[in-house]
Every structure is written in structure tokens, then in C-alpha cells.
Amino acid sequence: MASVAAPVPDTDSILEELRRIREDADITTVSVACSGGVDSMVLLHLMDRICRGSNHSLTALHVNHGIDPNSNLWEEHCRIFCQTLGIDFRSTRLDLSKCYTKVNENKTRQLRYGWLAQQLSENAVLLTAHHQDDQAETLLLNLMRGSGVRGLAGMRTFRRLGNGYLLRPLLKYSRNSILHYAKCHQLSYIEDSSNLDVEIRRNFLRHITLPSLTKHWPSGNQIISRAANILSDARDLLDQLAQIDLETCQVQGVNFFCTGKQISAASIAALPKARQINLIRFWIRTNSIPEPNQKVIKQILGGLKNGSQTFGFVQWSKYRVYLYQQILYLSMIPKVAEHSESIQWNLKDSVEIPTMGMQLTVRESAENAICREKLNGEISIRFRRGGERIILPNRNHSSSLKKLFQQHLIPPWERNQLPLIYCNEEMVAVVPWLTAGKFRSERGQTGIRAVIEKLDEDRTVRLSDDTA
């Protein structure tokens, strides 16, 4: 028999959800994502009632996308509502109308969650007003996309978001029950006219598909929600199995720029195919990188079968999985050095190299360090062009940088990314790896060491398997 949705949202059930969170974290700061629609206004009203009787501070967060001509009115509606109740209100404007000729729903969602995540301090919690009908729509959308267990499990009630947490306390309530609450408390809210456009897939499900289903199955949304809960348990079990396999297969490859741990190709190949796929997806996902599609996963698994292959990669979006020396590496697509001329450096201030997505910073060090007093000439930064040589400590002759890379198994795609420091025309160091013997500080003597720091990129919060 289908589970029955709670008739009307209530403060007790939300308090119970917050108590569960406090078992894992000391939550004192609560925020509500407030669009101005009936769902978020009901949730904000509920949380105001709860926080008035507790030590929680409450903030409403509003994202003005600048798409609809009335978007400024929606923001003002939320602001006035919060002023009336004495709720702290914060908003931002993401004017997507200037960025896209056609609104990209997924990009809009990413930007919205990106800003919301930035507002969360450590262990703060953000509440969103997704409800049972949203969950049903999400499951059906993902079903028609051909999603697996992760997508069909729908939205999680609770997960990490940025430095804090995301909680959806209304997932067990229907839209009708939320409307009933709004009517009882005489709450005013915004009706977004775009929600009536059935050319948008989610709206088609909301206004055409689900009403047809509920004519034959009156508890259809509750049944779909129950199925999502069952699939959520299956998703968690698959993640637990993938974590076990990752701990068995992970190795430490030589690298300077790759993401997370590396994994042994031979160890993965020894697993059944279904566990190989599950592990690869989990490995990519746990490094905060969007999962590739099924075609890319097949290409990665195909590369594992080629035991004689020493170097290759599979690419999607901005990312690559490399196979080198029977180890799998995960990395962003490497930058290509565009500097035909050298970059002058005083070895004091940090120097940005935007085309390579990095900056170099000097720190004091007693290990593999450069002795500043031994530098007598013009200091410059260069990148590989071919034929570079360096004289290592305790050597009288120079060594080819190419051969040193090969001997030490430095991944080929990283070799051209490593900055080379020169004094006049003599190589001083390969950052952050080697220092020439002539310029090296004596044992126990403090010198300087150049450190690579990645420049911030415009990376939005990954949405995991949530699509609402």
C-alpha cells in the first residue's frame, strides 16, 4: 500500500529534521532559499515560527535571475515579506538575459546553487522548498533521460553543500498541502507565468503527464516518492561498494596537477564489469567533477583492456582520464604554454601566469631550496620548448630534462606545464620538482622555494544527482 503524504506542513516535522542534522553538526545558522513562490514562502513562514522560539538565526536568500520582466518585483516582494517578519534578507542578481540567447535551465540552476553555497558558513544549513510533486517530476525526467539508479533516486533530503548542508524538509508533503497551508495563513506569493509553459519538459510533466497518471492512480505522486526512497537506499549501497573498491584499487602516481587519488588499471580490470563502471563513476564524482556519459565510461573501460598501452586519455567537457604506466589519472585539460618570451621575475612578489591558470609564490624552505645569494643575473620564468638541460647536484655534466621526465615517470601531459626558472641562460629549477646543484642551498640552510598555486576558476557547485 502506498505511503500517505502528511496533510499539511508543520513545524514539528521540520524540527525533527533539524535535530537529525544536529547529531552530526552544530547547526545554529539557518537559511531559506526564497524565490517568492508559494513553496518557499510557506517554508520561510514555517522557519520563522521555529526560529523565534530557538537560538537559530534565520536568513532568506533570493536569486534574481533577471530573465522575467517581473523579476525585480519578485525580489521586492520577498524583501517586504522578510521586513514584515523581521527576517534577515540577502539577494543577488544573475542577469542571464545578457549571457544567453536562450535560457539554459541547467546553467541557471548551477549559478543559483553556486551563489547559495557561497553564503553558507561552516555547518550552516540551507533549506529549500522542494516537495513531493517536485520529487515525482525529477524521477520521471531522469527516467526519460535514461538515467540509472542515481538519477532515479531523485533528490536527497539532506546532503553537503559548500561549507554547509542542504536540507529539503518538505519532500514528504504534496503541493496541494502546501497551498492549503498558504491559504490558512493568508500568505501572499508570486505566480511565475513560465511555470505554465508546457514546452518546458518539467512543466509538461507537471500539467499534462502527472495529472493523467493520478486519474488512474490517485496516490501516484506518493507511489513515485516511495520508489525514489527505495532507489535512494540502492544508491547508497552502490556508493558504499564503490568506496570499498576505491580503497582497494587506489595508488599514488607521480604527478603535480592531477585531481585526487590515482587508481590501478590492473586492479580495476580484475573487478566485474558492473563494479568497474560503478567505481569509475564514483571516483570521478567524489573529486567534484561532473560525471561523463555512458559513451565516455565505455571508452575508459576500453582503454583498460589495452594492456600494452602506456599513454592515452579520454576526454569530456573540461576533463580527462589519462592512462599512463597502467595507472589512471583524473585531470582538467592541461593548459598550453603560449609564452615564446620569458617572464621576468624578482623572486620576491607572486607572479601570475593566467594563460597557464597558475601563479608562482616564493616561500622559505630548507628542502630542495634555492640559495638567493647564488643568483647573480636576470631571473626569468619559461616553459618547455625542447632541448632543455639541467645540472643536478653532485653532477659535473648536464642532464636532458626530457630523459629526467621519462626516468621519473612524470606524466607526459604535465611536462609542459611545469615552470622553469632561469638565471640568465642557466636553468635554476623545475618548479616544484628539481633544483640545480649550482643554485641549491647548503644542507640545513634556509633558502627559497617557488610554489605553484592554481588561480581560481569560475567553477560552479556540482549538483550531484539532484536536478531540481
Protein backbone atom coordinates (compact mmCIF):
# COMPACT_ATOMS: atom_id res chain seq x y z
CA MET A 1 0.00 0.00 0.00
CA ALA A 2 1.30 3.48 -0.91
CA SER A 3 2.58 5.73 1.84
CA VAL A 4 0.36 8.67 2.69
CA ALA A 5 1.67 12.22 2.50
CA ALA A 6 1.41 14.35 5.60
CA PRO A 7 -1.75 16.50 5.24
CA VAL A 8 -0.21 19.91 5.98
CA PRO A 9 3.41 21.02 6.60
CA ASP A 10 4.07 21.55 10.29
CA THR A 11 6.86 22.89 12.46
CA ASP A 12 7.27 19.63 14.40
CA SER A 13 8.37 17.64 11.35
CA ILE A 14 10.90 20.29 10.31
CA LEU A 15 12.25 20.46 13.84
CA GLU A 16 12.74 16.70 13.74
CA GLU A 17 14.78 17.06 10.52
CA LEU A 18 16.93 19.76 12.13
CA ARG A 19 17.50 17.56 15.20
CA ARG A 20 18.85 14.81 12.94
CA ILE A 21 21.32 17.24 11.43
CA ARG A 22 22.46 18.42 14.86
CA GLU A 23 23.51 14.86 15.63
CA ASP A 24 26.27 15.35 13.01
CA ALA A 25 26.88 19.10 13.19
CA ASP A 26 26.28 22.04 15.49
CA ILE A 27 23.78 23.98 13.38
CA THR A 28 23.00 27.49 14.61
CA THR A 29 22.64 29.34 11.29
CA VAL A 30 19.64 28.57 9.08
CA SER A 31 18.94 29.99 5.62
CA VAL A 32 15.94 29.52 3.35
CA ALA A 33 16.14 29.78 -0.43
CA CYS A 34 13.28 32.16 -1.17
CA SER A 35 12.02 32.61 -4.74
CA GLY A 36 8.72 34.25 -3.85
CA GLY A 37 6.66 31.27 -4.97
CA VAL A 38 4.16 29.57 -2.69
CA ASP A 39 6.51 26.71 -1.72
CA SER A 40 9.38 28.89 -0.49
CA MET A 41 7.05 31.40 1.21
CA VAL A 42 5.41 28.59 3.18
CA LEU A 43 8.81 27.21 4.19
CA LEU A 44 10.04 30.66 5.21
CA HIS A 45 6.88 31.22 7.29
CA LEU A 46 7.36 27.85 9.00
CA MET A 47 11.02 28.55 9.76
CA ASP A 48 10.21 31.98 11.15
CA ARG A 49 7.84 30.32 13.64
CA ILE A 50 10.54 27.79 14.58
CA CYS A 51 13.44 30.23 14.91
CA ARG A 52 11.50 32.67 17.07
CA GLY A 53 11.48 30.05 19.79
CA SER A 54 15.08 28.86 19.39
CA ASN A 55 18.65 30.13 19.20
CA HIS A 56 18.79 29.75 15.42
CA SER A 57 19.34 32.86 13.30
CA LEU A 58 17.28 32.93 10.10
CA THR A 59 18.24 34.42 6.72
CA ALA A 60 16.27 34.45 3.47
CA LEU A 61 18.37 34.12 0.30
CA HIS A 62 16.94 35.27 -3.02
CA VAL A 63 18.45 34.87 -6.50
CA ASN A 64 17.16 37.31 -9.10
CA HIS A 65 17.92 35.72 -12.48
CA GLY A 66 16.92 38.84 -14.42
CA ILE A 67 15.09 36.70 -17.01
CA ASP A 68 11.45 37.59 -16.43
CA PRO A 69 10.39 41.25 -16.82
CA ASN A 70 8.84 41.00 -13.34
CA SER A 71 11.91 39.54 -11.63
CA ASN A 72 12.64 42.80 -9.77
CA LEU A 73 9.07 42.80 -8.44
CA TRP A 74 9.56 39.24 -7.16
CA GLU A 75 12.72 40.29 -5.35
CA GLU A 76 10.92 43.26 -3.79
CA HIS A 77 8.02 41.02 -2.72
CA CYS A 78 10.46 38.74 -0.86
CA ARG A 79 12.24 41.72 0.70
CA ILE A 80 9.00 43.26 2.00
CA PHE A 81 7.79 39.90 3.36
CA CYS A 82 11.06 39.50 5.28
CA GLN A 83 10.97 43.07 6.58
CA THR A 84 7.45 42.49 7.89
CA LEU A 85 8.57 39.42 9.86
CA GLY A 86 11.98 40.82 10.82
CA ILE A 87 13.90 38.19 8.81
CA ASP A 88 17.38 38.98 7.51
CA PHE A 89 17.23 39.19 3.68
CA ARG A 90 20.06 38.76 1.18
CA SER A 91 19.81 38.78 -2.61
CA THR A 92 21.92 38.73 -5.75
CA ARG A 93 21.25 39.37 -9.41
CA LEU A 94 22.36 36.92 -12.12
CA ASP A 95 21.29 38.67 -15.30
CA LEU A 96 21.31 35.65 -17.59
CA SER A 97 19.43 37.54 -20.29
CA LYS A 98 22.77 39.19 -21.14
CA CYS A 99 24.64 35.89 -21.22
CA TYR A 100 22.43 33.59 -23.28
CA THR A 101 20.14 33.97 -26.27
CA LYS A 102 18.14 31.07 -24.85
CA VAL A 103 17.93 30.37 -21.13
CA ASN A 104 19.83 27.22 -20.16
CA GLU A 105 17.92 25.71 -17.24
CA ASN A 106 20.86 23.61 -16.03
CA LYS A 107 23.32 26.52 -16.16
CA THR A 108 20.80 28.73 -14.37
CA ARG A 109 20.49 26.12 -11.63
CA GLN A 110 24.26 25.79 -11.30
CA LEU A 111 24.74 29.54 -10.93
CA ARG A 112 21.92 29.73 -8.39
CA TYR A 113 23.31 26.93 -6.23
CA GLY A 114 26.82 28.35 -6.65
CA TRP A 115 25.78 31.64 -5.07
CA LEU A 116 23.70 29.94 -2.37
CA ALA A 117 26.65 27.73 -1.42
CA GLN A 118 28.89 30.80 -1.09
CA GLN A 119 26.51 32.21 1.54
CA LEU A 120 26.91 29.21 3.85
CA SER A 121 29.40 29.35 6.68
CA GLU A 122 30.78 26.13 8.09
CA ASN A 123 27.98 23.84 9.35
CA ALA A 124 25.25 26.29 8.34
CA VAL A 125 22.18 24.75 6.72
CA LEU A 126 20.21 25.91 3.68
CA LEU A 127 16.58 24.83 3.39
CA THR A 128 14.87 24.58 0.02
CA ALA A 129 11.13 24.06 -0.50
CA HIS A 130 11.16 21.10 -2.89
CA HIS A 131 8.11 18.93 -2.24
CA GLN A 132 6.66 15.55 -3.14
CA ASP A 133 5.40 16.65 -6.57
CA ASP A 134 8.89 18.00 -7.41
CA GLN A 135 10.36 14.63 -6.48
CA ALA A 136 7.94 12.82 -8.78
CA GLU A 137 8.77 15.18 -11.65
CA THR A 138 12.51 14.71 -11.07
CA LEU A 139 12.26 10.92 -11.14
CA LEU A 140 10.22 10.96 -14.37
CA LEU A 141 12.55 13.49 -16.01
CA ASN A 142 15.56 11.34 -15.19
CA LEU A 143 13.74 8.21 -16.35
CA MET A 144 13.18 9.80 -19.78
CA ARG A 145 16.86 10.78 -19.89
CA GLY A 146 17.80 7.14 -19.47
CA SER A 147 19.29 7.69 -16.02
CA GLY A 148 20.38 4.82 -13.80
CA VAL A 149 19.86 4.28 -10.11
CA ARG A 150 21.46 7.60 -9.12
CA GLY A 151 19.11 9.69 -11.23
CA LEU A 152 16.02 7.66 -10.42
CA ALA A 153 16.73 8.04 -6.70
CA GLY A 154 15.78 11.69 -7.17
CA MET A 155 16.63 14.46 -4.73
CA ARG A 156 18.25 13.73 -1.39
CA THR A 157 16.55 15.06 1.71
CA PHE A 158 19.94 16.04 3.11
CA ARG A 159 23.45 16.48 1.70
CA ARG A 160 26.55 18.66 1.85
CA LEU A 161 26.54 22.00 0.02
CA GLY A 162 29.68 24.12 0.03
CA ASN A 163 30.86 24.51 3.62
CA GLY A 164 27.41 23.71 4.99
CA TYR A 165 24.41 21.50 4.32
CA LEU A 166 21.33 21.40 2.15
CA LEU A 167 18.04 20.21 3.67
CA ARG A 168 14.70 19.64 1.90
CA PRO A 169 12.22 19.22 4.74
CA LEU A 170 9.06 19.37 2.57
CA LEU A 171 9.75 16.37 0.31
CA LYS A 172 7.06 14.30 2.03
CA TYR A 173 4.37 16.98 1.50
CA SER A 174 2.26 17.42 -1.63
CA ARG A 175 1.85 20.72 -3.47
CA ASN A 176 -1.84 20.74 -2.51
CA SER A 177 -0.98 20.54 1.19
CA ILE A 178 1.44 23.46 0.78
CA LEU A 179 -1.25 25.52 -0.97
CA HIS A 180 -3.63 24.69 1.87
CA TYR A 181 -1.10 25.97 4.44
CA ALA A 182 -0.64 29.21 2.47
CA LYS A 183 -4.40 29.73 2.35
CA CYS A 184 -4.85 29.07 6.08
CA HIS A 185 -2.13 31.60 6.98
CA GLN A 186 -3.14 34.08 4.27
CA LEU A 187 0.34 34.16 2.73
CA SER A 188 0.89 36.17 -0.43
CA TYR A 189 3.16 34.69 -3.08
CA ILE A 190 4.27 35.08 -6.70
CA GLU A 191 2.87 33.05 -9.58
CA ASP A 192 5.63 32.57 -12.17
CA SER A 193 3.95 32.57 -15.58
CA SER A 194 6.78 30.49 -17.07
CA ASN A 195 5.61 27.56 -14.93
CA LEU A 196 2.61 27.29 -17.27
CA ASP A 197 4.75 26.82 -20.40
CA VAL A 198 4.29 23.13 -21.27
CA GLU A 199 7.08 23.37 -23.86
CA ILE A 200 9.38 23.14 -20.83
CA ARG A 201 9.72 19.45 -20.02
CA ARG A 202 9.22 19.73 -16.28
CA ASN A 203 6.06 21.78 -16.84
CA PHE A 204 4.80 19.20 -19.33
CA LEU A 205 5.13 16.53 -16.66
CA ARG A 206 3.51 18.81 -14.06
CA HIS A 207 0.48 19.87 -16.09
CA ILE A 208 -0.04 17.01 -18.58
CA THR A 209 1.63 13.74 -17.55
CA LEU A 210 1.18 13.61 -13.77
CA PRO A 211 -2.49 14.73 -13.79
CA SER A 212 -3.19 11.93 -16.30
CA LEU A 213 -1.42 9.41 -14.08
CA THR A 214 -3.24 10.47 -10.94
CA LYS A 215 -6.61 9.99 -12.66
CA HIS A 216 -5.87 6.25 -12.61
CA TRP A 217 -3.54 6.20 -9.60
CA PRO A 218 -4.78 8.89 -7.15
CA SER A 219 -1.73 8.30 -4.93
CA GLY A 220 0.63 8.38 -7.91
CA ASN A 221 2.98 11.05 -6.56
CA GLN A 222 3.25 9.24 -3.23
CA ILE A 223 3.98 5.94 -5.02
CA ILE A 224 6.71 7.57 -7.12
CA SER A 225 8.15 9.20 -3.99
CA ARG A 226 8.25 5.83 -2.26
CA ALA A 227 10.05 4.31 -5.27
CA ALA A 228 12.60 7.16 -5.11
CA ASN A 229 13.23 6.37 -1.44
CA ILE A 230 13.86 2.70 -2.26
CA LEU A 231 16.22 3.67 -5.08
CA SER A 232 17.95 6.10 -2.74
CA ASP A 233 18.84 3.18 -0.46
CA ALA A 234 20.17 1.29 -3.51
CA ARG A 235 22.25 4.34 -4.48
CA ASP A 236 23.79 4.47 -1.00
CA LEU A 237 24.67 0.77 -1.17
CA LEU A 238 26.35 1.24 -4.56
CA ASP A 239 28.38 4.13 -3.12
CA GLN A 240 29.45 2.00 -0.15
CA LEU A 241 30.60 -0.76 -2.51
CA ALA A 242 32.45 1.77 -4.69
CA GLN A 243 34.23 3.16 -1.62
CA ILE A 244 35.45 -0.35 -0.72
CA ASP A 245 36.67 -0.90 -4.30
CA LEU A 246 38.35 2.52 -4.40
CA GLU A 247 40.31 1.79 -1.23
CA THR A 248 41.47 -1.49 -2.79
CA CYS A 249 42.41 -0.01 -6.19
CA GLN A 250 43.86 3.39 -5.32
CA VAL A 251 47.60 4.01 -5.78
CA GLN A 252 49.86 7.07 -5.64
CA GLY A 253 51.10 8.03 -9.09
CA VAL A 254 53.76 10.68 -9.69
CA ASN A 255 52.02 13.96 -10.59
CA PHE A 256 51.77 17.65 -9.77
CA PHE A 257 48.43 18.76 -11.20
CA CYS A 258 46.03 15.81 -11.18
CA THR A 259 42.90 15.63 -9.04
CA GLY A 260 42.51 13.30 -6.07
CA LYS A 261 43.90 9.77 -5.86
CA GLN A 262 45.01 7.66 -8.78
CA ILE A 263 43.81 4.11 -9.33
CA SER A 264 45.46 0.96 -10.64
CA ALA A 265 44.23 -0.11 -14.08
CA ALA A 266 45.07 -3.74 -13.32
CA SER A 267 43.10 -3.71 -10.07
CA ILE A 268 40.05 -2.22 -11.78
CA ALA A 269 40.26 -4.71 -14.62
CA ALA A 270 40.09 -7.55 -12.09
CA LEU A 271 36.62 -6.40 -10.96
CA PRO A 272 33.35 -7.48 -12.62
CA LYS A 273 32.25 -5.02 -15.31
CA ALA A 274 29.34 -3.61 -13.29
CA ARG A 275 31.69 -2.82 -10.39
CA GLN A 276 34.22 -1.26 -12.81
CA ILE A 277 31.55 1.15 -14.06
CA ASN A 278 30.34 1.88 -10.53
CA LEU A 279 33.90 2.56 -9.33
CA ILE A 280 34.84 4.83 -12.24
CA ARG A 281 31.71 6.94 -11.79
CA PHE A 282 32.24 7.15 -8.01
CA TRP A 283 35.92 8.06 -8.42
CA ILE A 284 35.09 10.93 -10.78
CA ARG A 285 32.12 12.13 -8.74
CA THR A 286 33.97 12.18 -5.40
CA ASN A 287 36.55 14.52 -6.96
CA SER A 288 33.78 17.10 -7.56
CA ILE A 289 33.87 16.60 -11.32
CA PRO A 290 30.69 16.13 -13.40
CA GLU A 291 30.15 12.53 -14.42
CA PRO A 292 30.66 11.74 -18.11
CA ASN A 293 28.01 9.98 -20.17
CA GLN A 294 27.86 6.25 -20.82
CA LYS A 295 29.84 6.54 -24.07
CA VAL A 296 32.82 8.08 -22.24
CA ILE A 297 32.66 5.43 -19.50
CA LYS A 298 32.83 2.72 -22.20
CA GLN A 299 35.87 4.44 -23.72
CA ILE A 300 37.61 4.46 -20.34
CA LEU A 301 36.87 0.77 -19.79
CA GLY A 302 38.03 0.04 -23.33
CA GLY A 303 41.38 1.66 -22.56
CA LEU A 304 41.82 -0.66 -19.57
CA LYS A 305 41.73 -3.69 -21.87
CA ASN A 306 44.72 -2.45 -23.86
CA GLY A 307 47.43 -3.79 -21.58
CA SER A 308 50.29 -2.68 -23.86
CA GLN A 309 49.15 0.94 -23.97
CA THR A 310 51.46 3.25 -21.99
CA PHE A 311 49.77 6.62 -22.60
CA GLY A 312 46.33 7.74 -23.68
CA PHE A 313 43.31 9.68 -22.48
CA VAL A 314 39.55 10.00 -22.71
CA GLN A 315 38.07 13.49 -22.70
CA TRP A 316 34.71 15.08 -21.85
CA SER A 317 33.87 18.71 -21.16
CA LYS A 318 36.96 20.27 -19.46
CA TYR A 319 38.25 16.97 -18.04
CA ARG A 320 40.32 13.95 -18.96
CA VAL A 321 41.02 10.49 -17.60
CA TYR A 322 44.59 9.51 -18.51
CA LEU A 323 46.09 6.03 -18.63
CA TYR A 324 49.85 6.08 -18.08
CA GLN A 325 52.04 3.25 -16.86
CA GLN A 326 48.88 1.27 -16.04
CA ILE A 327 47.64 3.98 -13.67
CA LEU A 328 44.50 6.07 -14.21
CA TYR A 329 44.80 9.82 -13.53
CA LEU A 330 41.99 12.38 -13.38
CA SER A 331 42.77 15.91 -14.54
CA MET A 332 41.42 19.06 -16.13
CA ILE A 333 42.55 19.54 -19.73
CA PRO A 334 46.10 20.92 -19.40
CA LYS A 335 46.88 24.47 -20.36
CA VAL A 336 49.17 25.04 -23.34
CA ALA A 337 52.05 27.44 -22.74
CA GLU A 338 51.73 30.47 -25.02
CA HIS A 339 54.89 32.20 -23.85
CA SER A 340 57.51 32.39 -26.59
CA GLU A 341 59.20 35.05 -24.49
CA SER A 342 60.39 34.59 -20.93
CA ILE A 343 58.61 36.20 -17.96
CA GLN A 344 60.79 38.39 -15.76
CA TRP A 345 60.57 37.73 -12.01
CA ASN A 346 62.14 39.35 -8.95
CA LEU A 347 61.75 36.16 -6.84
CA LYS A 348 60.00 38.24 -4.17
CA ASP A 349 56.46 39.04 -5.25
CA SER A 350 53.99 36.47 -6.54
CA VAL A 351 53.71 36.39 -10.31
CA GLU A 352 50.51 35.41 -12.11
CA ILE A 353 50.56 33.41 -15.33
CA PRO A 354 46.86 33.48 -16.31
CA THR A 355 47.29 31.56 -19.57
CA MET A 356 48.57 28.62 -17.53
CA GLY A 357 45.99 29.07 -14.76
CA MET A 358 48.65 29.49 -12.08
CA GLN A 359 50.74 31.87 -10.06
CA LEU A 360 54.19 31.33 -8.54
CA THR A 361 54.82 32.30 -4.93
CA VAL A 362 58.12 32.27 -3.01
CA ARG A 363 58.37 30.58 0.38
CA GLU A 364 61.26 29.93 2.71
CA SER A 365 62.40 26.33 2.79
CA ALA A 366 65.28 24.13 3.85
CA GLU A 367 64.47 21.31 1.42
CA ASN A 368 65.28 21.37 -2.30
CA ALA A 369 65.63 25.14 -1.92
CA ILE A 370 67.31 27.84 -4.00
CA CYS A 371 70.05 29.92 -2.38
CA ARG A 372 69.22 33.52 -3.20
CA GLU A 373 72.87 34.60 -2.81
CA LYS A 374 73.93 32.27 -5.63
CA LEU A 375 71.66 34.02 -8.12
CA ASN A 376 73.68 36.60 -10.00
CA GLY A 377 71.81 37.77 -13.03
CA GLU A 378 68.39 38.20 -14.60
CA ILE A 379 65.73 35.81 -13.27
CA SER A 380 63.06 34.60 -15.66
CA ILE A 381 60.30 32.01 -15.96
CA ARG A 382 59.97 29.87 -19.08
CA PHE A 383 58.12 26.77 -20.24
CA ARG A 384 59.45 23.84 -22.25
CA ARG A 385 60.29 24.33 -25.90
CA GLY A 386 62.51 21.24 -26.22
CA GLY A 387 66.19 20.53 -25.61
CA GLU A 388 66.33 21.94 -22.05
CA ARG A 389 69.10 20.66 -19.75
CA ILE A 390 69.84 20.99 -16.03
CA ILE A 391 72.93 20.19 -13.93
CA LEU A 392 71.78 18.14 -10.94
CA PRO A 393 73.51 18.14 -7.52
CA ASN A 394 76.76 16.13 -7.42
CA ARG A 395 76.96 16.07 -11.23
CA ASN A 396 79.55 17.69 -13.48
CA HIS A 397 77.56 17.38 -16.67
CA SER A 398 74.06 18.43 -17.58
CA SER A 399 71.11 16.06 -17.94
CA SER A 400 68.39 16.22 -20.54
CA LEU A 401 65.11 17.35 -18.99
CA LYS A 402 63.27 15.04 -21.40
CA LYS A 403 65.16 11.99 -20.12
CA LEU A 404 64.69 13.01 -16.47
CA PHE A 405 60.93 13.25 -17.05
CA GLN A 406 60.94 9.77 -18.57
CA GLN A 407 63.13 8.23 -15.85
CA HIS A 408 60.97 9.62 -13.03
CA LEU A 409 57.68 8.75 -14.78
CA ILE A 410 56.42 12.34 -14.80
CA PRO A 411 53.13 12.15 -16.75
CA PRO A 412 53.67 13.39 -20.33
CA TRP A 413 50.72 15.84 -20.22
CA GLU A 414 52.22 17.60 -17.17
CA ARG A 415 55.73 18.09 -18.50
CA ASN A 416 54.95 21.25 -20.45
CA GLN A 417 53.03 22.73 -17.51
CA LEU A 418 55.98 22.83 -15.10
CA PRO A 419 57.55 26.33 -14.90
CA LEU A 420 61.31 26.55 -15.48
CA ILE A 421 63.29 29.18 -13.56
CA TYR A 422 66.39 30.56 -15.26
CA CYS A 423 69.24 32.80 -14.11
CA ASN A 424 70.43 34.42 -17.33
CA GLU A 425 70.55 31.38 -19.65
CA GLU A 426 71.17 28.71 -16.99
CA MET A 427 68.34 26.60 -15.57
CA VAL A 428 67.94 27.08 -11.83
CA ALA A 429 64.91 24.89 -11.08
CA VAL A 430 61.98 22.94 -12.44
CA VAL A 431 59.10 24.06 -10.22
CA PRO A 432 58.24 22.37 -7.88
CA TRP A 433 60.38 19.33 -8.62
CA LEU A 434 64.14 19.90 -9.17
CA THR A 435 66.79 22.44 -8.18
CA ALA A 436 70.13 22.62 -10.00
CA GLY A 437 73.13 21.77 -7.81
CA LYS A 438 74.90 25.08 -8.52
CA PHE A 439 71.98 27.10 -7.12
CA ARG A 440 70.91 24.82 -4.31
CA SER A 441 71.13 25.97 -0.69
CA GLU A 442 73.51 24.04 1.55
CA ARG A 443 72.23 21.27 3.81
CA GLY A 444 70.41 22.77 6.80
CA GLN A 445 70.49 26.24 5.24
CA THR A 446 67.21 28.05 4.68
CA GLY A 447 66.64 29.09 1.10
CA ILE A 448 63.67 29.88 -1.08
CA ARG A 449 61.33 27.61 -2.98
CA ALA A 450 58.86 28.52 -5.71
CA VAL A 451 55.38 27.11 -5.16
CA ILE A 452 52.65 26.69 -7.80
CA GLU A 453 49.22 27.98 -6.79
CA LYS A 454 46.23 27.45 -9.04
CA LEU A 455 44.28 30.55 -9.97
CA ASP A 456 40.60 30.45 -9.12
CA GLU A 457 38.34 29.43 -11.97
CA ASP A 458 34.64 30.09 -12.46
CA ARG A 459 33.59 26.71 -11.12
CA THR A 460 30.01 26.33 -10.04
CA VAL A 461 28.73 23.91 -7.42
CA ARG A 462 28.30 20.43 -8.77
CA LEU A 463 24.69 19.32 -8.42
CA SER A 464 25.43 15.63 -7.96
CA ASP A 465 22.31 13.69 -8.95
CA ASP A 466 19.88 16.40 -7.87
CA THR A 467 18.17 18.05 -10.81
CA ALA A 468 15.50 20.26 -9.23
